[in-house]
Amino acid sequence: MIHYSCDRCKKIIDQHDSLRYVVKIEVQAAMEPLDLDDVDADRDHLLEIQEMLERMEDEECSGAGNEVYQKLHYDLCSDCHRQYVNNPLGSELPVQIGFSQN
């Protein structure tokens, strides 16, 4: 039997008694299109690609792929789902002061 727990509060999620919410997040680097006026016709693009691939094979650059693209998956309980939907970025919400209509 598969057991699920909330990735936020670590509470066990009972499949029969409560709902489990799945949050899928895709993060990718936003790359601007190249300005063709700035492209140097004398550049050896294949050599540059080869050098980039060699650098990525080094241990120092092993996390470079995560800087460009990530696909994340989280399970949430009902309470954490409600909090996530109200504030998905987890930013601090400004205090709202309510004034009476006097």
N, C-alpha and C. Protein backbone atom coordinates (compact mmCIF):
# COMPACT_ATOMS: atom_id res chain seq x y z
N MET A 1 0.84 -1.18 0.00
CA MET A 1 0.00 0.00 0.00
C MET A 1 0.89 1.24 0.00
N ILE A 2 0.55 2.20 -0.81
CA ILE A 2 1.30 3.45 -0.91
C ILE A 2 0.84 4.41 0.18
N HIS A 3 1.79 5.02 0.87
CA HIS A 3 1.49 6.00 1.90
C HIS A 3 1.94 7.37 1.42
N TYR A 4 1.09 8.37 1.64
CA TYR A 4 1.42 9.74 1.25
C TYR A 4 1.52 10.60 2.49
N SER A 5 2.42 11.57 2.42
CA SER A 5 2.51 12.58 3.47
C SER A 5 2.62 13.95 2.80
N CYS A 6 2.17 14.95 3.52
CA CYS A 6 2.20 16.32 3.00
C CYS A 6 3.65 16.78 2.96
N ASP A 7 4.08 17.27 1.82
CA ASP A 7 5.46 17.74 1.66
C ASP A 7 5.71 19.05 2.40
N ARG A 8 4.66 19.69 2.86
CA ARG A 8 4.82 20.97 3.56
C ARG A 8 4.83 20.78 5.07
N CYS A 9 3.81 20.11 5.62
CA CYS A 9 3.72 19.96 7.07
C CYS A 9 4.08 18.56 7.56
N LYS A 10 4.32 17.64 6.63
CA LYS A 10 4.74 16.25 6.92
C LYS A 10 3.64 15.39 7.55
N LYS A 11 2.40 15.88 7.57
CA LYS A 11 1.29 15.10 8.10
C LYS A 11 0.96 13.95 7.15
N ILE A 12 0.65 12.77 7.69
CA ILE A 12 0.26 11.62 6.88
C ILE A 12 -1.10 11.91 6.26
N ILE A 13 -1.24 11.66 4.97
CA ILE A 13 -2.50 11.88 4.25
C ILE A 13 -3.19 10.53 4.07
N ASP A 14 -4.32 10.35 4.72
CA ASP A 14 -5.08 9.11 4.60
C ASP A 14 -5.85 9.15 3.28
N GLN A 15 -5.59 8.18 2.42
CA GLN A 15 -6.21 8.16 1.09
C GLN A 15 -7.72 7.99 1.15
N HIS A 16 -8.22 7.35 2.20
CA HIS A 16 -9.65 7.06 2.26
C HIS A 16 -10.46 8.16 2.93
N ASP A 17 -9.83 8.92 3.83
CA ASP A 17 -10.58 9.91 4.60
C ASP A 17 -10.35 11.35 4.17
N SER A 18 -9.25 11.64 3.49
CA SER A 18 -8.97 13.03 3.14
C SER A 18 -8.43 13.13 1.72
N LEU A 19 -8.55 14.34 1.20
CA LEU A 19 -8.06 14.58 -0.16
C LEU A 19 -6.56 14.86 -0.14
N ARG A 20 -5.90 14.43 -1.19
CA ARG A 20 -4.49 14.73 -1.41
C ARG A 20 -4.41 15.61 -2.64
N TYR A 21 -3.72 16.73 -2.52
CA TYR A 21 -3.57 17.66 -3.64
C TYR A 21 -2.15 17.55 -4.18
N VAL A 22 -2.03 17.56 -5.49
CA VAL A 22 -0.73 17.47 -6.15
C VAL A 22 -0.42 18.82 -6.79
N VAL A 23 0.73 19.36 -6.45
CA VAL A 23 1.19 20.63 -7.02
C VAL A 23 2.38 20.30 -7.92
N LYS A 24 2.27 20.70 -9.19
CA LYS A 24 3.36 20.50 -10.14
C LYS A 24 3.86 21.87 -10.56
N ILE A 25 5.15 22.07 -10.42
CA ILE A 25 5.75 23.37 -10.74
C ILE A 25 6.84 23.14 -11.78
N GLU A 26 6.79 23.94 -12.82
CA GLU A 26 7.82 23.92 -13.85
C GLU A 26 8.53 25.26 -13.82
N VAL A 27 9.84 25.23 -13.68
CA VAL A 27 10.64 26.45 -13.64
C VAL A 27 11.64 26.39 -14.78
N GLN A 28 11.63 27.44 -15.60
CA GLN A 28 12.58 27.47 -16.72
C GLN A 28 13.15 28.87 -16.87
N ALA A 29 14.39 28.91 -17.31
CA ALA A 29 15.05 30.19 -17.51
C ALA A 29 14.39 30.91 -18.69
N ALA A 30 14.18 32.20 -18.54
CA ALA A 30 13.62 33.02 -19.62
C ALA A 30 14.78 33.56 -20.43
N MET A 31 14.85 33.14 -21.66
CA MET A 31 15.95 33.57 -22.51
C MET A 31 15.42 34.51 -23.57
N GLU A 32 16.10 35.62 -23.69
CA GLU A 32 15.72 36.63 -24.67
C GLU A 32 16.22 36.22 -26.04
N PRO A 33 15.48 36.54 -27.10
CA PRO A 33 15.95 36.20 -28.45
C PRO A 33 17.22 36.98 -28.79
N LEU A 34 18.06 36.37 -29.61
CA LEU A 34 19.30 37.02 -30.02
C LEU A 34 19.02 38.18 -30.95
N ASP A 35 19.83 39.21 -30.81
CA ASP A 35 19.78 40.34 -31.74
C ASP A 35 20.71 39.99 -32.90
N LEU A 36 20.16 39.76 -34.06
CA LEU A 36 20.95 39.31 -35.20
C LEU A 36 21.99 40.33 -35.66
N ASP A 37 21.83 41.58 -35.28
CA ASP A 37 22.83 42.60 -35.64
C ASP A 37 24.13 42.39 -34.85
N ASP A 38 24.02 41.77 -33.66
CA ASP A 38 25.19 41.58 -32.81
C ASP A 38 25.93 40.28 -33.11
N VAL A 39 25.39 39.43 -33.97
CA VAL A 39 26.00 38.14 -34.26
C VAL A 39 27.25 38.34 -35.11
N ASP A 40 28.34 37.74 -34.68
CA ASP A 40 29.62 37.83 -35.38
C ASP A 40 29.67 36.69 -36.39
N ALA A 41 29.82 37.01 -37.66
CA ALA A 41 29.83 36.00 -38.72
C ALA A 41 31.07 35.12 -38.67
N ASP A 42 32.14 35.59 -38.04
CA ASP A 42 33.39 34.84 -37.99
C ASP A 42 33.45 33.85 -36.82
N ARG A 43 32.45 33.83 -35.96
CA ARG A 43 32.47 32.94 -34.80
C ARG A 43 32.28 31.50 -35.24
N ASP A 44 32.97 30.61 -34.58
CA ASP A 44 32.82 29.17 -34.81
C ASP A 44 31.81 28.65 -33.79
N HIS A 45 30.55 28.59 -34.18
CA HIS A 45 29.48 28.22 -33.26
C HIS A 45 29.61 26.76 -32.82
N LEU A 46 30.03 25.87 -33.69
CA LEU A 46 30.19 24.47 -33.32
C LEU A 46 31.27 24.31 -32.26
N LEU A 47 32.35 25.06 -32.38
CA LEU A 47 33.41 25.01 -31.38
C LEU A 47 32.90 25.53 -30.04
N GLU A 48 32.12 26.59 -30.06
CA GLU A 48 31.57 27.14 -28.81
C GLU A 48 30.63 26.14 -28.14
N ILE A 49 29.82 25.45 -28.93
CA ILE A 49 28.91 24.45 -28.37
C ILE A 49 29.71 23.30 -27.75
N GLN A 50 30.74 22.85 -28.47
CA GLN A 50 31.60 21.79 -27.94
C GLN A 50 32.24 22.19 -26.62
N GLU A 51 32.71 23.42 -26.52
CA GLU A 51 33.33 23.90 -25.29
C GLU A 51 32.31 23.97 -24.15
N MET A 52 31.09 24.39 -24.46
CA MET A 52 30.04 24.43 -23.45
C MET A 52 29.72 23.04 -22.94
N LEU A 53 29.63 22.06 -23.85
CA LEU A 53 29.35 20.69 -23.45
C LEU A 53 30.46 20.12 -22.58
N GLU A 54 31.69 20.43 -22.92
CA GLU A 54 32.82 19.97 -22.11
C GLU A 54 32.79 20.57 -20.71
N ARG A 55 32.43 21.85 -20.61
CA ARG A 55 32.34 22.49 -19.30
C ARG A 55 31.22 21.88 -18.47
N MET A 56 30.12 21.51 -19.12
CA MET A 56 28.99 20.93 -18.39
C MET A 56 29.33 19.54 -17.87
N GLU A 57 30.28 18.85 -18.50
CA GLU A 57 30.68 17.53 -18.04
C GLU A 57 31.52 17.61 -16.78
N ASP A 58 32.13 18.74 -16.52
CA ASP A 58 32.93 18.93 -15.31
C ASP A 58 32.04 18.83 -14.08
N GLU A 59 32.60 18.41 -12.98
CA GLU A 59 31.85 18.28 -11.74
C GLU A 59 31.35 19.62 -11.23
N GLU A 60 32.09 20.68 -11.50
CA GLU A 60 31.71 22.00 -11.03
C GLU A 60 30.39 22.46 -11.65
N CYS A 61 30.10 22.01 -12.84
CA CYS A 61 28.90 22.45 -13.55
C CYS A 61 27.79 21.40 -13.50
N SER A 62 27.87 20.43 -12.58
CA SER A 62 26.88 19.36 -12.55
C SER A 62 25.47 19.88 -12.28
N GLY A 63 25.32 21.01 -11.58
CA GLY A 63 24.01 21.56 -11.30
C GLY A 63 23.54 22.59 -12.31
N ALA A 64 24.25 22.73 -13.41
CA ALA A 64 23.89 23.76 -14.40
C ALA A 64 22.53 23.50 -15.01
N GLY A 65 22.16 22.24 -15.18
CA GLY A 65 20.86 21.92 -15.76
C GLY A 65 19.71 22.42 -14.89
N ASN A 66 19.88 22.39 -13.57
CA ASN A 66 18.84 22.87 -12.66
C ASN A 66 18.67 24.38 -12.73
N GLU A 67 19.68 25.07 -13.20
CA GLU A 67 19.56 26.52 -13.33
C GLU A 67 18.75 26.90 -14.56
N VAL A 68 18.60 25.98 -15.50
CA VAL A 68 17.89 26.26 -16.73
C VAL A 68 16.46 25.72 -16.69
N TYR A 69 16.28 24.51 -16.12
CA TYR A 69 14.95 23.89 -16.12
C TYR A 69 14.80 22.96 -14.93
N GLN A 70 13.66 23.06 -14.26
CA GLN A 70 13.31 22.16 -13.16
C GLN A 70 11.84 21.82 -13.24
N LYS A 71 11.53 20.59 -12.93
CA LYS A 71 10.14 20.14 -12.83
C LYS A 71 9.97 19.55 -11.44
N LEU A 72 9.11 20.17 -10.62
CA LEU A 72 8.94 19.80 -9.23
C LEU A 72 7.54 19.25 -9.00
N HIS A 73 7.40 18.36 -8.01
CA HIS A 73 6.13 17.70 -7.73
C HIS A 73 5.98 17.60 -6.21
N TYR A 74 4.84 18.09 -5.68
CA TYR A 74 4.61 18.09 -4.24
C TYR A 74 3.21 17.57 -3.95
N ASP A 75 3.07 16.83 -2.84
CA ASP A 75 1.78 16.40 -2.33
C ASP A 75 1.43 17.30 -1.15
N LEU A 76 0.17 17.77 -1.12
CA LEU A 76 -0.27 18.65 -0.03
C LEU A 76 -1.53 18.11 0.61
N CYS A 77 -1.67 18.29 1.92
CA CYS A 77 -2.92 17.98 2.62
C CYS A 77 -3.90 19.13 2.36
N SER A 78 -5.11 18.98 2.85
CA SER A 78 -6.16 19.99 2.61
C SER A 78 -5.79 21.36 3.19
N ASP A 79 -5.28 21.37 4.42
CA ASP A 79 -4.93 22.64 5.06
C ASP A 79 -3.80 23.37 4.31
N CYS A 80 -2.75 22.63 3.96
CA CYS A 80 -1.63 23.24 3.25
C CYS A 80 -2.03 23.65 1.83
N HIS A 81 -2.93 22.89 1.22
CA HIS A 81 -3.43 23.26 -0.11
C HIS A 81 -4.13 24.61 -0.05
N ARG A 82 -4.97 24.79 0.95
CA ARG A 82 -5.72 26.05 1.10
C ARG A 82 -4.75 27.21 1.28
N GLN A 83 -3.72 27.02 2.11
CA GLN A 83 -2.73 28.08 2.33
C GLN A 83 -1.93 28.35 1.07
N TYR A 84 -1.60 27.30 0.34
CA TYR A 84 -0.82 27.46 -0.90
C TYR A 84 -1.61 28.24 -1.95
N VAL A 85 -2.88 27.90 -2.11
CA VAL A 85 -3.71 28.57 -3.11
C VAL A 85 -3.87 30.06 -2.78
N ASN A 86 -3.98 30.39 -1.49
CA ASN A 86 -4.13 31.79 -1.09
C ASN A 86 -2.84 32.58 -1.23
N ASN A 87 -1.68 31.91 -1.16
CA ASN A 87 -0.40 32.61 -1.22
C ASN A 87 0.65 31.68 -1.84
N PRO A 88 0.57 31.43 -3.15
CA PRO A 88 1.45 30.43 -3.78
C PRO A 88 2.93 30.75 -3.71
N LEU A 89 3.31 32.01 -3.65
CA LEU A 89 4.73 32.36 -3.59
C LEU A 89 5.26 32.45 -2.17
N GLY A 90 4.38 32.31 -1.20
CA GLY A 90 4.81 32.35 0.19
C GLY A 90 5.30 33.71 0.64
N SER A 91 4.88 34.74 -0.07
CA SER A 91 5.31 36.09 0.31
C SER A 91 4.49 36.57 1.51
N GLU A 92 5.09 37.44 2.27
CA GLU A 92 4.38 37.98 3.42
C GLU A 92 3.24 38.87 2.94
N LEU A 93 2.06 38.62 3.47
CA LEU A 93 0.90 39.40 3.08
C LEU A 93 0.82 40.64 3.96
N PRO A 94 0.49 41.79 3.37
CA PRO A 94 0.38 43.01 4.18
C PRO A 94 -0.81 42.89 5.14
N VAL A 95 -0.64 43.48 6.31
CA VAL A 95 -1.71 43.47 7.30
C VAL A 95 -2.81 44.39 6.80
N GLN A 96 -4.02 43.84 6.76
CA GLN A 96 -5.15 44.66 6.29
C GLN A 96 -5.94 45.12 7.52
N ILE A 97 -6.14 46.41 7.57
CA ILE A 97 -6.86 47.00 8.69
C ILE A 97 -8.26 47.34 8.21
N GLY A 98 -9.24 46.86 8.94
CA GLY A 98 -10.63 47.14 8.59
C GLY A 98 -11.17 48.30 9.42
N PHE A 99 -11.78 49.26 8.76
CA PHE A 99 -12.36 50.40 9.45
C PHE A 99 -13.89 50.28 9.43
N SER A 100 -14.51 50.67 10.50
CA SER A 100 -15.96 50.62 10.54
C SER A 100 -16.54 51.73 9.68
N GLN A 101 -17.80 51.62 9.34
CA GLN A 101 -18.47 52.58 8.47
C GLN A 101 -19.12 53.71 9.27
N ASN A 102 -18.57 54.12 10.40
CA ASN A 102 -19.15 55.19 11.24
C ASN A 102 -19.07 56.50 10.57
